[in-house]
Amino acid sequence: MIWVAAGTSEASLLLNKLLPLRVPLIITVVSPYGAEILTKAHQDALQKGDLQIHQGALARTEMESFVEKNKIKAILDLTHPYAQIASENLINLARSKNLSYLRYERPRTPLPASEQLIKVSSWSNCLQHLESAKKGEKIFLATGSRILEQAIPDLLTRQLIPYVRLLPESEPIKRCQELGLNPGQIIAIQGPFTYELNKALYEHSGAQWLITKESGAPGGTIEKIQAALELKMTVLVITRPTIEYPLMTNSFDELLLWVKKTI
């Protein structure tokens, strides 16, 4: 059994290429929304028993039980580029259990050169740059929901006004409200987004700042940034964490060759 640890939109595309090989697959996703998307896209494979879907986050000890229960022989790591702890857990698990491991990393997108664009390594670095923001300025967060528990209180404490764009899932929306945001500050919508839609949302919010991540083409990084630069917004881009992967590829073709050799 091959375990596909999913966390990006590439997971469904990869399954379209793997399923014809008739390789036993089990794919894990954290959110119910992600599980719903995969279930709808791959109903035939699920009915035939060629694919299993597990929804829910797995702690390190739970991963060990998961491997034993499902007789995992190899791990394909398709978690999000910023899911550092998840990838490190998978790498350590593969080493301890002597499992084959391959990381698929979506290619990086070259960022435009602009004095308005600043690369930062962490949320703490973002806050250092936001010291120049005036009270009442609006901050558009296009970072995903994981950072919001920390980001929203930090911004509100500095009397800055956050606008959050996230997936239309009930739990993150509820949590944003609990953290102090009103419905007008929460934009719940499924991406990726065009340049035009990004620009319209920025204009609607009246934001002076954009904070986003280096998520690559599937995450619409360039469209987000170009629209913000056009509106003279200051853009803070949180760069990807540095992880030492034992084996990594940016190519689906190389990934498929690895799978064929592994099985």
C-alpha atoms as a PDB file:
ATOM      1  CA  MET A   1       0.000   0.000   0.000  1.00  0.00           C
ATOM      2  CA  ILE A   2       1.220   3.490  -0.902  1.00  0.00           C
ATOM      3  CA  TRP A   3       0.274   6.326   1.412  1.00  0.00           C
ATOM      4  CA  VAL A   4      -0.374   9.651  -0.319  1.00  0.00           C
ATOM      5  CA  ALA A   5      -0.245  12.402   2.291  1.00  0.00           C
ATOM      6  CA  ALA A   6      -2.213  15.164   0.595  1.00  0.00           C
ATOM      7  CA  GLY A   7      -2.467  18.865   1.266  1.00  0.00           C
ATOM      8  CA  THR A   8      -2.531  20.575  -2.128  1.00  0.00           C
ATOM      9  CA  SER A   9      -4.653  20.612  -5.283  1.00  0.00           C
ATOM     10  CA  GLU A  10      -2.080  18.422  -7.045  1.00  0.00           C
ATOM     11  CA  ALA A  11      -3.297  15.379  -5.094  1.00  0.00           C
ATOM     12  CA  SER A  12      -6.332  14.808  -7.304  1.00  0.00           C
ATOM     13  CA  LEU A  13      -4.266  15.304 -10.473  1.00  0.00           C
ATOM     14  CA  LEU A  14      -1.759  12.773  -9.217  1.00  0.00           C
ATOM     15  CA  LEU A  15      -4.473  10.219  -8.467  1.00  0.00           C
ATOM     16  CA  ASN A  16      -5.644  10.485 -12.073  1.00  0.00           C
ATOM     17  CA  LYS A  17      -2.185   9.281 -13.120  1.00  0.00           C
ATOM     18  CA  LEU A  18      -1.668   6.693 -10.373  1.00  0.00           C
ATOM     19  CA  LEU A  19      -5.020   4.903 -10.410  1.00  0.00           C
ATOM     20  CA  PRO A  20      -4.562   3.392 -13.913  1.00  0.00           C
ATOM     21  CA  LEU A  21      -1.467   1.613 -12.527  1.00  0.00           C
ATOM     22  CA  ARG A  22      -3.795  -0.303 -10.162  1.00  0.00           C
ATOM     23  CA  VAL A  23      -1.516   0.420  -7.226  1.00  0.00           C
ATOM     24  CA  PRO A  24      -3.188   0.072  -3.802  1.00  0.00           C
ATOM     25  CA  LEU A  25      -3.513   3.630  -2.515  1.00  0.00           C
ATOM     26  CA  ILE A  26      -4.672   5.313   0.649  1.00  0.00           C
ATOM     27  CA  ILE A  27      -4.784   9.096   0.721  1.00  0.00           C
ATOM     28  CA  THR A  28      -4.993  11.245   3.841  1.00  0.00           C
ATOM     29  CA  VAL A  29      -6.400  14.757   4.041  1.00  0.00           C
ATOM     30  CA  VAL A  30      -6.887  16.963   7.081  1.00  0.00           C
ATOM     31  CA  SER A  31     -10.123  18.773   6.287  1.00  0.00           C
ATOM     32  CA  PRO A  32     -13.629  17.438   5.542  1.00  0.00           C
ATOM     33  CA  TYR A  33     -13.696  19.782   2.550  1.00  0.00           C
ATOM     34  CA  GLY A  34     -10.597  18.164   1.065  1.00  0.00           C
ATOM     35  CA  ALA A  35     -12.062  14.703   1.598  1.00  0.00           C
ATOM     36  CA  GLU A  36     -15.300  15.779  -0.079  1.00  0.00           C
ATOM     37  CA  ILE A  37     -13.468  17.048  -3.169  1.00  0.00           C
ATOM     38  CA  LEU A  38     -11.474  13.820  -3.548  1.00  0.00           C
ATOM     39  CA  THR A  39     -14.526  11.640  -2.942  1.00  0.00           C
ATOM     40  CA  LYS A  40     -16.516  13.379  -5.666  1.00  0.00           C
ATOM     41  CA  ALA A  41     -13.609  13.232  -8.119  1.00  0.00           C
ATOM     42  CA  HIS A  42     -12.743   9.566  -7.587  1.00  0.00           C
ATOM     43  CA  GLN A  43     -16.003   7.771  -6.777  1.00  0.00           C
ATOM     44  CA  ASP A  44     -15.341   4.960  -9.254  1.00  0.00           C
ATOM     45  CA  ALA A  45     -11.955   4.090  -7.731  1.00  0.00           C
ATOM     46  CA  LEU A  46     -13.434   4.185  -4.225  1.00  0.00           C
ATOM     47  CA  GLN A  47     -16.238   1.832  -5.227  1.00  0.00           C
ATOM     48  CA  LYS A  48     -13.779  -0.599  -6.831  1.00  0.00           C
ATOM     49  CA  GLY A  49     -11.566  -0.575  -3.745  1.00  0.00           C
ATOM     50  CA  ASP A  50      -8.556   0.860  -5.616  1.00  0.00           C
ATOM     51  CA  LEU A  51      -8.522   3.905  -3.351  1.00  0.00           C
ATOM     52  CA  GLN A  52      -9.170   4.654   0.304  1.00  0.00           C
ATOM     53  CA  ILE A  53      -9.562   8.118   1.823  1.00  0.00           C
ATOM     54  CA  HIS A  54      -8.761   8.946   5.436  1.00  0.00           C
ATOM     55  CA  GLN A  55      -9.851  12.333   6.735  1.00  0.00           C
ATOM     56  CA  GLY A  56      -8.286  13.850   9.829  1.00  0.00           C
ATOM     57  CA  ALA A  57      -4.915  15.039  11.100  1.00  0.00           C
ATOM     58  CA  LEU A  58      -2.516  12.341  12.319  1.00  0.00           C
ATOM     59  CA  ALA A  59      -0.146  12.900  15.215  1.00  0.00           C
ATOM     60  CA  ARG A  60       3.277  11.228  15.086  1.00  0.00           C
ATOM     61  CA  THR A  61       2.177   8.228  17.188  1.00  0.00           C
ATOM     62  CA  GLU A  62      -1.017   7.880  15.155  1.00  0.00           C
ATOM     63  CA  MET A  63       1.075   7.777  11.987  1.00  0.00           C
ATOM     64  CA  GLU A  64       2.889   4.688  13.284  1.00  0.00           C
ATOM     65  CA  SER A  65      -0.395   2.878  13.931  1.00  0.00           C
ATOM     66  CA  PHE A  66      -1.677   4.018  10.533  1.00  0.00           C
ATOM     67  CA  VAL A  67       1.357   2.504   8.780  1.00  0.00           C
ATOM     68  CA  GLU A  68       0.986  -0.829  10.563  1.00  0.00           C
ATOM     69  CA  LYS A  69      -2.788  -1.052  10.133  1.00  0.00           C
ATOM     70  CA  ASN A  70      -2.680  -0.298   6.399  1.00  0.00           C
ATOM     71  CA  LYS A  71       0.541  -2.206   5.647  1.00  0.00           C
ATOM     72  CA  ILE A  72       2.172   0.899   4.165  1.00  0.00           C
ATOM     73  CA  LYS A  73       5.275   0.253   2.058  1.00  0.00           C
ATOM     74  CA  ALA A  74       5.902   3.743   0.692  1.00  0.00           C
ATOM     75  CA  ILE A  75       4.999   7.369   1.412  1.00  0.00           C
ATOM     76  CA  LEU A  76       4.286  10.064  -1.161  1.00  0.00           C
ATOM     77  CA  ASP A  77       4.454  13.427   0.579  1.00  0.00           C
ATOM     78  CA  LEU A  78       2.147  15.924  -1.132  1.00  0.00           C
ATOM     79  CA  THR A  79       1.500  18.021   1.939  1.00  0.00           C
ATOM     80  CA  HIS A  80       1.464  21.798   1.602  1.00  0.00           C
ATOM     81  CA  PRO A  81       4.868  23.490   1.137  1.00  0.00           C
ATOM     82  CA  TYR A  82       4.358  25.192   4.513  1.00  0.00           C
ATOM     83  CA  ALA A  83       3.319  22.053   6.421  1.00  0.00           C
ATOM     84  CA  GLN A  84       6.815  21.704   7.885  1.00  0.00           C
ATOM     85  CA  ILE A  85       5.905  19.609  10.921  1.00  0.00           C
ATOM     86  CA  ALA A  86       3.867  17.171   8.817  1.00  0.00           C
ATOM     87  CA  SER A  87       6.716  16.625   6.346  1.00  0.00           C
ATOM     88  CA  GLU A  88       9.308  16.240   9.099  1.00  0.00           C
ATOM     89  CA  ASN A  89       7.088  13.664  10.833  1.00  0.00           C
ATOM     90  CA  LEU A  90       6.682  11.732   7.574  1.00  0.00           C
ATOM     91  CA  ILE A  91      10.440  11.772   6.922  1.00  0.00           C
ATOM     92  CA  ASN A  92      11.246  10.520  10.416  1.00  0.00           C
ATOM     93  CA  LEU A  93       8.529   7.891  10.196  1.00  0.00           C
ATOM     94  CA  ALA A  94       9.860   6.595   6.871  1.00  0.00           C
ATOM     95  CA  ARG A  95      13.364   6.324   8.336  1.00  0.00           C
ATOM     96  CA  SER A  96      12.250   4.540  11.483  1.00  0.00           C
ATOM     97  CA  LYS A  97      10.036   2.062   9.601  1.00  0.00           C
ATOM     98  CA  ASN A  98      12.393   1.651   6.621  1.00  0.00           C
ATOM     99  CA  LEU A  99       9.753   2.888   4.164  1.00  0.00           C
ATOM    100  CA  SER A 100      10.366   4.411   0.749  1.00  0.00           C
ATOM    101  CA  TYR A 101       9.713   8.156   0.784  1.00  0.00           C
ATOM    102  CA  LEU A 102       9.315  10.733  -1.978  1.00  0.00           C
ATOM    103  CA  ARG A 103       8.428  14.394  -1.645  1.00  0.00           C
ATOM    104  CA  TYR A 104       6.568  16.092  -4.487  1.00  0.00           C
ATOM    105  CA  GLU A 105       7.182  19.835  -4.175  1.00  0.00           C
ATOM    106  CA  ARG A 106       5.266  22.177  -6.438  1.00  0.00           C
ATOM    107  CA  PRO A 107       7.720  24.382  -8.384  1.00  0.00           C
ATOM    108  CA  ARG A 108       8.481  27.813  -7.007  1.00  0.00           C
ATOM    109  CA  THR A 109       7.200  30.852  -8.869  1.00  0.00           C
ATOM    110  CA  PRO A 110       9.682  33.676  -9.585  1.00  0.00           C
ATOM    111  CA  LEU A 111       8.463  36.762  -7.758  1.00  0.00           C
ATOM    112  CA  PRO A 112       8.326  40.142  -9.480  1.00  0.00           C
ATOM    113  CA  ALA A 113      10.998  42.664  -8.599  1.00  0.00           C
ATOM    114  CA  SER A 114       9.445  45.581  -6.753  1.00  0.00           C
ATOM    115  CA  GLU A 115      10.292  47.881  -3.860  1.00  0.00           C
ATOM    116  CA  GLN A 116       6.745  47.224  -2.623  1.00  0.00           C
ATOM    117  CA  LEU A 117       7.450  43.482  -2.240  1.00  0.00           C
ATOM    118  CA  ILE A 118       9.304  42.228   0.812  1.00  0.00           C
ATOM    119  CA  LYS A 119      10.256  38.614   1.483  1.00  0.00           C
ATOM    120  CA  VAL A 120      10.028  37.491   5.096  1.00  0.00           C
ATOM    121  CA  SER A 121      10.848  34.169   6.723  1.00  0.00           C
ATOM    122  CA  SER A 122       8.150  34.054   9.391  1.00  0.00           C
ATOM    123  CA  TRP A 123       5.131  35.733  10.919  1.00  0.00           C
ATOM    124  CA  SER A 124       7.439  37.385  13.445  1.00  0.00           C
ATOM    125  CA  ASN A 125       9.283  39.031  10.564  1.00  0.00           C
ATOM    126  CA  CYS A 126       5.942  40.232   9.185  1.00  0.00           C
ATOM    127  CA  LEU A 127       5.238  41.979  12.464  1.00  0.00           C
ATOM    128  CA  GLN A 128       8.595  43.739  12.338  1.00  0.00           C
ATOM    129  CA  HIS A 129       7.685  45.256   8.967  1.00  0.00           C
ATOM    130  CA  LEU A 130       4.156  46.076  10.125  1.00  0.00           C
ATOM    131  CA  GLU A 131       5.623  48.388  12.751  1.00  0.00           C
ATOM    132  CA  SER A 132       5.551  51.035  10.025  1.00  0.00           C
ATOM    133  CA  ALA A 133       1.802  50.531   9.477  1.00  0.00           C
ATOM    134  CA  LYS A 134      -0.434  53.294  10.810  1.00  0.00           C
ATOM    135  CA  LYS A 135      -3.253  52.541  13.235  1.00  0.00           C
ATOM    136  CA  GLY A 136      -6.430  51.671  11.348  1.00  0.00           C
ATOM    137  CA  GLU A 137      -4.665  50.457   8.220  1.00  0.00           C
ATOM    138  CA  LYS A 138      -6.135  47.351   6.643  1.00  0.00           C
ATOM    139  CA  ILE A 139      -4.217  44.110   6.224  1.00  0.00           C
ATOM    140  CA  PHE A 140      -5.380  41.543   3.658  1.00  0.00           C
ATOM    141  CA  LEU A 141      -4.361  38.047   4.792  1.00  0.00           C
ATOM    142  CA  ALA A 142      -4.133  35.511   1.957  1.00  0.00           C
ATOM    143  CA  THR A 143      -2.089  32.986   3.904  1.00  0.00           C
ATOM    144  CA  GLY A 144      -4.523  30.144   4.533  1.00  0.00           C
ATOM    145  CA  SER A 145      -6.209  29.539   7.867  1.00  0.00           C
ATOM    146  CA  ARG A 146      -3.409  27.934   9.894  1.00  0.00           C
ATOM    147  CA  ILE A 147      -1.651  31.189  10.724  1.00  0.00           C
ATOM    148  CA  LEU A 148      -4.804  33.062  11.745  1.00  0.00           C
ATOM    149  CA  GLU A 149      -4.850  31.981  15.401  1.00  0.00           C
ATOM    150  CA  GLN A 150      -1.639  33.950  15.825  1.00  0.00           C
ATOM    151  CA  ALA A 151      -2.073  36.636  13.189  1.00  0.00           C
ATOM    152  CA  ILE A 152      -5.513  38.032  14.037  1.00  0.00           C
ATOM    153  CA  PRO A 153      -4.804  38.793  17.718  1.00  0.00           C
ATOM    154  CA  ASP A 154      -1.417  40.285  16.825  1.00  0.00           C
ATOM    155  CA  LEU A 155      -2.987  42.621  14.268  1.00  0.00           C
ATOM    156  CA  LEU A 156      -5.906  43.642  16.475  1.00  0.00           C
ATOM    157  CA  THR A 157      -3.522  44.402  19.344  1.00  0.00           C
ATOM    158  CA  ARG A 158      -1.704  46.819  17.035  1.00  0.00           C
ATOM    159  CA  GLN A 159      -5.055  48.430  16.092  1.00  0.00           C
ATOM    160  CA  LEU A 160      -4.744  47.184  12.524  1.00  0.00           C
ATOM    161  CA  ILE A 161      -7.781  45.853  10.652  1.00  0.00           C
ATOM    162  CA  PRO A 162      -7.453  42.295   9.268  1.00  0.00           C
ATOM    163  CA  TYR A 163      -9.318  41.032   6.226  1.00  0.00           C
ATOM    164  CA  VAL A 164      -9.071  37.281   5.882  1.00  0.00           C
ATOM    165  CA  ARG A 165      -9.552  35.155   2.781  1.00  0.00           C
ATOM    166  CA  LEU A 166     -10.027  31.454   3.463  1.00  0.00           C
ATOM    167  CA  LEU A 167     -11.823  28.333   2.297  1.00  0.00           C
ATOM    168  CA  PRO A 168     -15.588  28.226   2.890  1.00  0.00           C
ATOM    169  CA  GLU A 169     -15.359  25.820   5.828  1.00  0.00           C
ATOM    170  CA  SER A 170     -17.435  26.339   8.951  1.00  0.00           C
ATOM    171  CA  GLU A 171     -14.730  25.802  11.588  1.00  0.00           C
ATOM    172  CA  PRO A 172     -12.178  28.376  10.331  1.00  0.00           C
ATOM    173  CA  ILE A 173     -14.948  30.920   9.763  1.00  0.00           C
ATOM    174  CA  LYS A 174     -16.299  30.362  13.266  1.00  0.00           C
ATOM    175  CA  ARG A 175     -12.811  30.682  14.730  1.00  0.00           C
ATOM    176  CA  CYS A 176     -12.225  34.000  12.929  1.00  0.00           C
ATOM    177  CA  GLN A 177     -15.416  35.350  14.489  1.00  0.00           C
ATOM    178  CA  GLU A 178     -14.359  34.094  17.904  1.00  0.00           C
ATOM    179  CA  LEU A 179     -11.047  35.913  17.456  1.00  0.00           C
ATOM    180  CA  GLY A 180     -12.912  39.186  16.927  1.00  0.00           C
ATOM    181  CA  LEU A 181     -13.573  39.545  13.201  1.00  0.00           C
ATOM    182  CA  ASN A 182     -16.987  40.584  11.907  1.00  0.00           C
ATOM    183  CA  PRO A 183     -18.530  38.923   8.818  1.00  0.00           C
ATOM    184  CA  GLY A 184     -17.428  41.800   6.597  1.00  0.00           C
ATOM    185  CA  GLN A 185     -13.788  40.989   7.356  1.00  0.00           C
ATOM    186  CA  ILE A 186     -14.120  37.316   6.344  1.00  0.00           C
ATOM    187  CA  ILE A 187     -13.983  36.369   2.659  1.00  0.00           C
ATOM    188  CA  ALA A 188     -14.858  32.670   2.397  1.00  0.00           C
ATOM    189  CA  ILE A 189     -14.249  31.516  -1.159  1.00  0.00           C
ATOM    190  CA  GLN A 190     -12.548  28.676  -3.042  1.00  0.00           C
ATOM    191  CA  GLY A 191      -9.494  29.620  -5.129  1.00  0.00           C
ATOM    192  CA  PRO A 192      -7.388  29.945  -7.108  1.00  0.00           C
ATOM    193  CA  PHE A 193      -8.197  33.524  -8.095  1.00  0.00           C
ATOM    194  CA  THR A 194      -7.627  35.564 -11.224  1.00  0.00           C
ATOM    195  CA  TYR A 195      -5.762  38.853 -11.244  1.00  0.00           C
ATOM    196  CA  GLU A 196      -9.075  40.650 -11.789  1.00  0.00           C
ATOM    197  CA  LEU A 197     -10.823  38.978  -8.848  1.00  0.00           C
ATOM    198  CA  ASN A 198      -7.864  39.586  -6.545  1.00  0.00           C
ATOM    199  CA  LYS A 199      -7.825  43.250  -7.509  1.00  0.00           C
ATOM    200  CA  ALA A 200     -11.565  43.593  -6.948  1.00  0.00           C
ATOM    201  CA  LEU A 201     -11.313  42.011  -3.477  1.00  0.00           C
ATOM    202  CA  TYR A 202      -8.400  44.234  -2.487  1.00  0.00           C
ATOM    203  CA  GLU A 203     -10.259  47.315  -3.669  1.00  0.00           C
ATOM    204  CA  HIS A 204     -13.395  46.225  -1.824  1.00  0.00           C
ATOM    205  CA  SER A 205     -11.473  45.796   1.420  1.00  0.00           C
ATOM    206  CA  GLY A 206      -9.487  48.998   0.967  1.00  0.00           C
ATOM    207  CA  ALA A 207      -6.374  47.185   2.224  1.00  0.00           C
ATOM    208  CA  GLN A 208      -2.962  48.863   2.221  1.00  0.00           C
ATOM    209  CA  TRP A 209      -1.064  45.630   2.888  1.00  0.00           C
ATOM    210  CA  LEU A 210      -1.124  42.081   1.485  1.00  0.00           C
ATOM    211  CA  ILE A 211       0.394  39.193   3.414  1.00  0.00           C
ATOM    212  CA  THR A 212       0.659  35.954   1.474  1.00  0.00           C
ATOM    213  CA  LYS A 213       2.805  32.871   0.974  1.00  0.00           C
ATOM    214  CA  GLU A 214       5.066  31.588  -1.785  1.00  0.00           C
ATOM    215  CA  SER A 215       2.572  28.893  -2.770  1.00  0.00           C
ATOM    216  CA  GLY A 216       3.476  28.545  -6.451  1.00  0.00           C
ATOM    217  CA  ALA A 217       1.349  28.650  -9.599  1.00  0.00           C
ATOM    218  CA  PRO A 218      -1.441  26.349  -8.298  1.00  0.00           C
ATOM    219  CA  GLY A 219      -1.904  28.720  -5.376  1.00  0.00           C
ATOM    220  CA  GLY A 220      -2.198  31.738  -7.687  1.00  0.00           C
ATOM    221  CA  THR A 221       0.832  33.484  -6.186  1.00  0.00           C
ATOM    222  CA  ILE A 222       1.610  35.748  -9.141  1.00  0.00           C
ATOM    223  CA  GLU A 223      -2.009  36.802  -9.645  1.00  0.00           C
ATOM    224  CA  LYS A 224      -2.282  37.755  -5.965  1.00  0.00           C
ATOM    225  CA  ILE A 225       0.935  39.742  -5.957  1.00  0.00           C
ATOM    226  CA  GLN A 226       0.536  41.526  -9.293  1.00  0.00           C
ATOM    227  CA  ALA A 227      -2.916  42.780  -8.373  1.00  0.00           C
ATOM    228  CA  ALA A 228      -1.616  44.118  -5.059  1.00  0.00           C
ATOM    229  CA  LEU A 229       1.375  45.830  -6.673  1.00  0.00           C
ATOM    230  CA  GLU A 230      -0.913  47.448  -9.235  1.00  0.00           C
ATOM    231  CA  LEU A 231      -2.874  48.985  -6.339  1.00  0.00           C
ATOM    232  CA  LYS A 232       0.365  50.227  -4.678  1.00  0.00           C
ATOM    233  CA  MET A 233      -0.110  47.906  -1.705  1.00  0.00           C
ATOM    234  CA  THR A 234       2.863  46.750   0.342  1.00  0.00           C
ATOM    235  CA  VAL A 235       3.286  42.995  -0.129  1.00  0.00           C
ATOM    236  CA  LEU A 236       4.861  40.730   2.486  1.00  0.00           C
ATOM    237  CA  VAL A 237       5.615  37.246   1.148  1.00  0.00           C
ATOM    238  CA  ILE A 238       6.342  34.553   3.717  1.00  0.00           C
ATOM    239  CA  THR A 239       8.919  32.296   2.062  1.00  0.00           C
ATOM    240  CA  ARG A 240       8.829  28.523   2.224  1.00  0.00           C
ATOM    241  CA  PRO A 241      10.456  26.780   5.183  1.00  0.00           C
ATOM    242  CA  THR A 242      13.756  25.010   4.536  1.00  0.00           C
ATOM    243  CA  ILE A 243      13.344  21.242   4.875  1.00  0.00           C
ATOM    244  CA  GLU A 244      15.969  18.612   4.069  1.00  0.00           C
ATOM    245  CA  TYR A 245      13.968  16.063   2.074  1.00  0.00           C
ATOM    246  CA  PRO A 246      15.722  12.708   1.540  1.00  0.00           C
ATOM    247  CA  LEU A 247      14.260  12.506  -1.981  1.00  0.00           C
ATOM    248  CA  MET A 248      12.300  15.194  -3.810  1.00  0.00           C
ATOM    249  CA  THR A 249      10.926  15.903  -7.266  1.00  0.00           C
ATOM    250  CA  ASN A 250       8.983  18.673  -9.004  1.00  0.00           C
ATOM    251  CA  SER A 251       7.930  16.357 -11.830  1.00  0.00           C
ATOM    252  CA  PHE A 252       4.900  14.070 -12.044  1.00  0.00           C
ATOM    253  CA  ASP A 253       6.770  11.948 -14.613  1.00  0.00           C
ATOM    254  CA  GLU A 254       9.635  11.351 -12.176  1.00  0.00           C
ATOM    255  CA  LEU A 255       7.114  10.606  -9.448  1.00  0.00           C
ATOM    256  CA  LEU A 256       5.397   7.962 -11.586  1.00  0.00           C
ATOM    257  CA  LEU A 257       8.735   6.331 -12.383  1.00  0.00           C
ATOM    258  CA  TRP A 258       9.479   6.176  -8.655  1.00  0.00           C
ATOM    259  CA  VAL A 259       6.113   4.542  -7.977  1.00  0.00           C
ATOM    260  CA  LYS A 260       6.672   1.907 -10.672  1.00  0.00           C
ATOM    261  CA  LYS A 261      10.089   1.073  -9.240  1.00  0.00           C
ATOM    262  CA  THR A 262       8.721   1.005  -5.700  1.00  0.00           C
ATOM    263  CA  ILE A 263       5.940  -1.472  -6.458  1.00  0.00           C
END
